[in-house]
Amino acid sequence: MFASQSENQRMKAGRLHLALGVLAAALLAHEASAQYKWDVGVHLGGANYLGEMGGKEKTRQDFIWDMKLSQTRWAVGGFARYKINRTISINSGILYYRIQGGDYLSTNPARVGRNLSFRNDMFELYLRPEFTIFQDNDLGGRGRYRTDFRLFAYVGGALYMSNPKGQINHTGEFYKLRDMDTELASYSPMGFAIPAGLGFHFTFKRRHRIGWDFGWRTTFSDYLDDASTVYADPSALPGGAGSTAADLANQTSYIYGPNGTTPNPVELVQYGPGLKRGDPTHNDSYLTMTLTYSYVLKGQSNFYRQRYNWMRGKKRIGRKSRAKF
């Protein structure tokens, strides 16, 4: 009887140890999978825009077909990304970039005659979920997690700060166009955009990620380039007719060079108060294309550090208490 009870106790103890072992293994597996959820990195690339200025021979074309690649300018930024699961990650970051354009680069005669230009240094704060399209954790078959590849798509939200500036006949000093009130229309320097795009990255030895990111921003503003509606009456502009504001608002008189020539074919249509200066039926948009580098953080929870330091060769120090006699 005593032997039977002792055997039962040993069996119960064995099952308890087995259960504890399975629980510890599960916790360790969870910790191992959670160690590589965060990465932080940088963007470096270029930005461009689609709006009223520049373009080709036609009046307007959507998406990239009316874009001047020569007007691509820098884009830099930083980001942090959190992996929720194998399919979804959350990426949040800040970008600083420049977009610009000029009618003098166009082959559309009416745009050349309008002769407007601008540049805009913008800040953007974005938040976007990234959805995995394809992933290979053993790229090239060289060993699990040695090199992996991820292709993803995203759509999210962004807040931006806009500050368009312009020159008179695209030379000389830059002026803040919003302050000049060139169309007698007030618009906010802040705006909301919807970024959507594609990207991919390679991860080397779980820690280093090198990637590519292409994103298009749909905005709800037509004033990234300070041109949207019609020419204002110059006498109503700040400083009146002949002022800097009036010169910036209507630059058709500056299109001729020293010998009476123009850079491109020009069409002198009527450019005056109440006549078309922009296209309010289409908002401005812009894109960024950047290379990315990020470093994957290896983290551990408090539970892991407190319970399993011995597995890393560190002796766990228990809580000291005073003996009571």
Protein backbone atom coordinates (compact mmCIF):
# COMPACT_ATOMS: atom_id res chain seq x y z
CA MET A 1 0.00 0.00 0.00
CA PHE A 2 2.76 2.39 0.95
CA ALA A 3 4.72 1.49 -2.20
CA SER A 4 1.61 2.14 -4.30
CA GLN A 5 1.05 5.56 -2.72
CA SER A 6 4.72 6.44 -3.21
CA GLU A 7 4.54 5.39 -6.87
CA ASN A 8 1.40 7.49 -7.39
CA GLN A 9 3.10 10.47 -5.84
CA ARG A 10 6.12 10.01 -8.13
CA MET A 11 3.81 9.78 -11.15
CA LYS A 12 1.96 12.94 -10.11
CA ALA A 13 5.25 14.74 -9.57
CA GLY A 14 6.48 13.56 -12.96
CA ARG A 15 3.32 14.84 -14.68
CA LEU A 16 3.64 18.14 -12.84
CA HIS A 17 7.27 18.53 -13.92
CA LEU A 18 6.31 17.62 -17.48
CA ALA A 19 3.53 20.22 -17.48
CA LEU A 20 5.86 22.84 -16.06
CA GLY A 21 8.45 21.95 -18.69
CA VAL A 22 5.92 22.27 -21.50
CA LEU A 23 4.73 25.62 -20.10
CA ALA A 24 8.31 26.89 -19.82
CA ALA A 25 9.08 25.74 -23.36
CA ALA A 26 5.96 27.50 -24.65
CA LEU A 27 6.89 30.69 -22.83
CA LEU A 28 10.43 30.54 -24.18
CA ALA A 29 9.14 29.96 -27.71
CA HIS A 30 6.83 32.95 -27.33
CA GLU A 31 9.72 35.05 -26.05
CA ALA A 32 11.94 33.97 -28.96
CA SER A 33 9.28 34.92 -31.48
CA ALA A 34 8.71 38.25 -29.74
CA GLN A 35 12.35 39.24 -29.71
CA TYR A 36 12.40 40.59 -33.28
CA LYS A 37 9.17 42.56 -33.52
CA TRP A 38 10.60 46.12 -33.65
CA ASP A 39 12.90 47.75 -36.17
CA VAL A 40 13.95 51.39 -36.49
CA GLY A 41 15.47 52.97 -39.56
CA VAL A 42 15.87 55.77 -42.09
CA HIS A 43 14.54 56.83 -45.51
CA LEU A 44 16.75 58.36 -48.21
CA GLY A 45 15.48 59.12 -51.71
CA GLY A 46 13.47 61.58 -53.78
CA ALA A 47 10.08 63.28 -54.11
CA ASN A 48 8.02 64.70 -56.97
CA TYR A 49 4.54 66.12 -57.48
CA LEU A 50 1.63 66.31 -59.91
CA GLY A 51 -0.29 69.58 -60.08
CA GLU A 52 -0.85 72.70 -62.14
CA MET A 53 2.76 73.52 -63.04
CA GLY A 54 5.09 71.83 -65.45
CA GLY A 55 3.77 68.90 -67.43
CA LYS A 56 4.01 67.94 -71.06
CA GLU A 57 2.26 69.02 -74.25
CA LYS A 58 -1.28 68.10 -73.18
CA THR A 59 -3.45 70.10 -70.79
CA ARG A 60 -3.52 67.50 -68.03
CA GLN A 61 -2.68 63.84 -67.53
CA ASP A 62 -3.29 61.80 -64.38
CA PHE A 63 -0.82 59.93 -62.19
CA ILE A 64 2.80 60.02 -63.40
CA TRP A 65 2.13 60.76 -67.07
CA ASP A 66 2.30 64.55 -66.54
CA MET A 67 5.33 64.50 -64.28
CA LYS A 68 8.72 66.07 -64.89
CA LEU A 69 11.42 63.68 -63.65
CA SER A 70 13.99 66.49 -63.81
CA GLN A 71 12.12 68.17 -60.95
CA THR A 72 12.65 65.24 -58.55
CA ARG A 73 14.20 66.48 -55.32
CA TRP A 74 15.43 64.97 -52.03
CA ALA A 75 13.46 63.13 -49.38
CA VAL A 76 14.85 62.01 -46.00
CA GLY A 77 13.29 60.68 -42.83
CA GLY A 78 13.12 58.09 -40.07
CA PHE A 79 10.65 55.42 -38.99
CA ALA A 80 9.82 52.71 -36.47
CA ARG A 81 7.98 49.51 -37.40
CA TYR A 82 6.22 46.94 -35.20
CA LYS A 83 5.41 43.45 -36.43
CA ILE A 84 1.97 42.38 -35.21
CA ASN A 85 2.09 38.99 -36.90
CA ARG A 86 3.44 37.35 -40.04
CA THR A 87 0.97 39.27 -42.23
CA ILE A 88 0.63 42.76 -40.71
CA SER A 89 3.09 45.37 -39.44
CA ILE A 90 2.53 48.96 -38.32
CA ASN A 91 4.95 51.62 -39.60
CA SER A 92 5.11 55.18 -38.26
CA GLY A 93 7.60 57.81 -39.36
CA ILE A 94 8.48 61.36 -40.32
CA LEU A 95 9.65 62.59 -43.73
CA TYR A 96 11.20 65.87 -44.87
CA TYR A 97 11.24 66.48 -48.61
CA ARG A 98 11.00 69.05 -51.40
CA ILE A 99 8.60 69.17 -54.34
CA GLN A 100 8.82 71.74 -57.12
CA GLY A 101 7.71 72.59 -60.64
CA GLY A 102 7.81 75.30 -63.28
CA ASP A 103 5.83 76.20 -66.40
CA TYR A 104 9.03 77.13 -68.22
CA LEU A 105 9.84 73.39 -68.39
CA SER A 106 6.56 72.50 -70.08
CA THR A 107 5.91 71.88 -73.77
CA ASN A 108 2.32 73.08 -73.42
CA PRO A 109 2.26 76.60 -74.99
CA ALA A 110 -0.47 77.88 -72.65
CA ARG A 111 1.44 76.76 -69.58
CA VAL A 112 4.64 78.35 -70.85
CA GLY A 113 2.73 81.62 -71.28
CA ARG A 114 1.44 81.43 -67.70
CA ASN A 115 5.09 81.23 -66.53
CA LEU A 116 4.53 80.25 -62.87
CA SER A 117 6.94 78.24 -60.72
CA PHE A 118 7.24 77.11 -57.09
CA ARG A 119 9.05 74.93 -54.61
CA ASN A 120 7.73 73.50 -51.35
CA ASP A 121 9.74 72.05 -48.45
CA MET A 122 7.32 69.79 -46.58
CA PHE A 123 7.22 67.79 -43.36
CA GLU A 124 5.08 64.67 -43.14
CA LEU A 125 4.12 62.49 -40.17
CA TYR A 126 2.60 59.19 -41.29
CA LEU A 127 1.05 56.05 -39.82
CA ARG A 128 0.34 53.05 -42.00
CA PRO A 129 -0.36 49.31 -41.73
CA GLU A 130 1.78 47.16 -44.02
CA PHE A 131 0.27 43.99 -45.47
CA THR A 132 2.61 41.18 -46.50
CA ILE A 133 2.10 40.01 -50.10
CA PHE A 134 4.96 37.56 -50.23
CA GLN A 135 7.61 36.42 -47.77
CA ASP A 136 10.51 33.97 -47.95
CA ASN A 137 12.31 33.30 -44.66
CA ASP A 138 15.12 31.34 -46.32
CA LEU A 139 16.01 33.25 -49.46
CA GLY A 140 18.49 31.27 -51.51
CA GLY A 141 18.19 28.19 -49.26
CA ARG A 142 21.25 29.14 -47.22
CA GLY A 143 19.75 28.51 -43.80
CA ARG A 144 16.67 29.68 -41.93
CA TYR A 145 16.73 33.40 -41.05
CA ARG A 146 20.12 33.96 -42.63
CA THR A 147 18.49 36.12 -45.33
CA ASP A 148 14.78 36.67 -45.73
CA PHE A 149 12.67 38.75 -48.12
CA ARG A 150 9.33 40.50 -47.64
CA LEU A 151 7.13 42.24 -50.21
CA PHE A 152 4.33 44.40 -48.81
CA ALA A 153 1.66 46.94 -49.71
CA TYR A 154 0.29 49.72 -47.54
CA VAL A 155 -2.38 52.40 -47.23
CA GLY A 156 -2.62 54.76 -44.30
CA GLY A 157 -2.87 58.37 -43.18
CA ALA A 158 -0.45 61.30 -43.02
CA LEU A 159 -0.38 64.84 -41.69
CA TYR A 160 1.82 67.27 -43.59
CA MET A 161 3.02 70.86 -43.28
CA SER A 162 3.21 72.81 -46.54
CA ASN A 163 5.00 76.08 -47.30
CA PRO A 164 5.05 76.89 -51.06
CA LYS A 165 7.53 79.53 -52.19
CA GLY A 166 7.92 81.24 -55.55
CA GLN A 167 10.20 83.48 -57.57
CA ILE A 168 9.50 86.23 -60.06
CA ASN A 169 10.27 84.73 -63.48
CA HIS A 170 11.86 81.72 -61.67
CA THR A 171 14.98 83.71 -60.72
CA GLY A 172 16.19 85.56 -57.65
CA GLU A 173 14.67 85.62 -54.19
CA PHE A 174 12.06 83.11 -53.01
CA TYR A 175 8.88 84.50 -51.43
CA LYS A 176 6.35 82.72 -49.22
CA LEU A 177 3.36 82.51 -51.55
CA ARG A 178 0.78 81.85 -48.85
CA ASP A 179 1.64 85.22 -47.26
CA MET A 180 1.27 86.95 -50.65
CA ASP A 181 -2.36 85.77 -50.99
CA THR A 182 -1.91 85.51 -54.76
CA GLU A 183 -5.45 84.26 -55.45
CA LEU A 184 -7.14 86.01 -52.50
CA ALA A 185 -7.86 82.53 -51.15
CA SER A 186 -6.87 81.52 -47.63
CA TYR A 187 -5.52 77.98 -47.18
CA SER A 188 -4.00 76.14 -44.24
CA PRO A 189 -0.32 75.18 -44.03
CA MET A 190 -1.46 71.87 -42.52
CA GLY A 191 -3.12 69.10 -44.50
CA PHE A 192 -4.11 65.44 -44.55
CA ALA A 193 -2.99 62.91 -47.14
CA ILE A 194 -3.58 59.25 -47.86
CA PRO A 195 -0.30 57.44 -48.57
CA ALA A 196 -0.56 54.21 -50.57
CA GLY A 197 2.26 52.20 -52.02
CA LEU A 198 4.51 49.16 -52.27
CA GLY A 199 7.78 48.20 -50.68
CA PHE A 200 10.13 45.35 -49.93
CA HIS A 201 13.08 44.62 -47.71
CA PHE A 202 15.78 42.02 -47.23
CA THR A 203 16.70 41.05 -43.66
CA PHE A 204 20.24 39.82 -43.09
CA LYS A 205 20.92 37.62 -40.04
CA ARG A 206 17.69 38.88 -38.42
CA ARG A 207 19.18 42.28 -37.59
CA HIS A 208 19.86 44.40 -40.71
CA ARG A 209 17.14 45.37 -43.19
CA ILE A 210 17.73 47.05 -46.54
CA GLY A 211 14.67 47.93 -48.60
CA TRP A 212 12.85 50.09 -51.13
CA ASP A 213 9.66 52.11 -50.63
CA PHE A 214 7.40 53.77 -53.21
CA GLY A 215 4.39 55.77 -52.03
CA TRP A 216 1.82 58.03 -53.67
CA ARG A 217 0.02 60.67 -51.56
CA THR A 218 -3.51 61.70 -52.37
CA THR A 219 -4.24 65.08 -50.77
CA PHE A 220 -7.35 67.19 -50.20
CA SER A 221 -5.68 70.47 -51.17
CA ASP A 222 -5.00 72.17 -54.51
CA TYR A 223 -2.55 74.67 -53.03
CA LEU A 224 0.70 72.75 -52.65
CA ASP A 225 1.86 74.88 -55.61
CA ASP A 226 -0.22 77.99 -54.72
CA ALA A 227 -2.25 77.77 -57.95
CA SER A 228 -5.84 76.57 -58.10
CA THR A 229 -8.54 78.94 -59.36
CA VAL A 230 -8.43 82.30 -61.20
CA TYR A 231 -6.30 85.44 -61.39
CA ALA A 232 -7.12 88.00 -58.73
CA ASP A 233 -7.56 91.73 -59.34
CA PRO A 234 -4.02 93.09 -58.74
CA SER A 235 -5.40 96.14 -56.98
CA ALA A 236 -6.90 93.83 -54.32
CA LEU A 237 -3.64 92.04 -53.58
CA PRO A 238 -1.37 93.01 -50.66
CA GLY A 239 0.39 96.20 -51.74
CA GLY A 240 -1.88 96.67 -54.78
CA ALA A 241 -0.92 96.75 -58.47
CA GLY A 242 2.83 96.78 -59.08
CA SER A 243 3.58 95.11 -55.74
CA THR A 244 5.61 91.94 -55.20
CA ALA A 245 2.36 90.03 -54.62
CA ALA A 246 0.98 91.23 -57.96
CA ASP A 247 4.22 90.29 -59.75
CA LEU A 248 4.14 86.80 -58.25
CA ALA A 249 0.46 86.28 -59.04
CA ASN A 250 0.71 87.12 -62.76
CA GLN A 251 4.05 86.55 -64.50
CA THR A 252 3.02 86.47 -68.14
CA SER A 253 4.96 89.67 -68.90
CA TYR A 254 8.26 87.97 -67.96
CA ILE A 255 8.27 85.13 -70.50
CA TYR A 256 10.47 86.82 -73.10
CA GLY A 257 14.25 86.53 -72.99
CA PRO A 258 16.83 89.24 -73.88
CA ASN A 259 16.29 88.77 -77.63
CA GLY A 260 12.52 88.44 -77.46
CA THR A 261 12.74 84.64 -77.42
CA THR A 262 11.09 82.12 -75.09
CA PRO A 263 12.47 78.80 -73.78
CA ASN A 264 9.63 76.82 -75.36
CA PRO A 265 6.72 77.47 -77.75
CA VAL A 266 4.41 79.97 -76.11
CA GLU A 267 0.76 80.83 -76.51
CA LEU A 268 -0.28 84.25 -75.26
CA VAL A 269 -3.85 83.64 -74.19
CA GLN A 270 -5.59 86.02 -71.82
CA TYR A 271 -4.19 85.94 -68.30
CA GLY A 272 -6.09 88.48 -66.26
CA PRO A 273 -8.49 89.02 -63.33
CA GLY A 274 -11.19 86.35 -63.18
CA LEU A 275 -9.56 84.17 -65.86
CA LYS A 276 -8.18 80.67 -65.37
CA ARG A 277 -4.97 80.38 -63.35
CA GLY A 278 -5.30 76.78 -62.10
CA ASP A 279 -7.57 73.74 -62.11
CA PRO A 280 -9.71 73.49 -58.95
CA THR A 281 -11.33 70.22 -60.14
CA HIS A 282 -8.18 68.22 -59.34
CA ASN A 283 -6.23 68.35 -56.08
CA ASP A 284 -2.43 68.23 -55.99
CA SER A 285 -0.65 64.97 -55.22
CA TYR A 286 2.94 63.91 -54.65
CA LEU A 287 5.06 60.80 -54.31
CA THR A 288 8.22 59.62 -52.60
CA MET A 289 10.58 56.83 -53.58
CA THR A 290 13.23 55.96 -51.01
CA LEU A 291 15.80 53.39 -50.06
CA THR A 292 15.49 52.27 -46.45
CA TYR A 293 17.79 50.83 -43.84
CA SER A 294 16.62 49.63 -40.44
CA TYR A 295 18.01 47.76 -37.47
CA VAL A 296 15.94 45.05 -35.82
CA LEU A 297 15.73 45.33 -32.06
CA LYS A 298 16.07 42.22 -29.92
CA GLY A 299 13.94 42.66 -26.82
CA GLN A 300 12.90 40.54 -23.86
CA SER A 301 10.01 40.86 -21.45
CA ASN A 302 10.30 41.36 -17.71
CA PHE A 303 9.06 37.79 -17.21
CA TYR A 304 11.90 36.46 -19.35
CA ARG A 305 14.57 38.51 -17.62
CA GLN A 306 13.35 37.58 -14.13
CA ARG A 307 12.79 33.87 -14.67
CA TYR A 308 15.31 32.78 -17.30
CA ASN A 309 18.51 34.74 -16.76
CA TRP A 310 20.11 31.45 -15.65
CA MET A 311 19.74 30.18 -19.23
CA ARG A 312 22.10 32.99 -20.35
CA GLY A 313 24.70 32.07 -17.72
CA LYS A 314 23.55 34.67 -15.19
CA LYS A 315 22.87 33.56 -11.66
CA ARG A 316 19.49 34.56 -10.33
CA ILE A 317 19.74 36.37 -7.05
CA GLY A 318 16.83 35.72 -4.74
CA ARG A 319 15.21 38.26 -2.46
CA LYS A 320 17.03 38.68 0.82
CA SER A 321 15.05 38.44 4.04
CA ARG A 322 16.08 38.66 7.71
CA ALA A 323 16.02 35.42 9.65
CA LYS A 324 13.45 35.23 12.43
CA PHE A 325 14.24 33.20 15.58
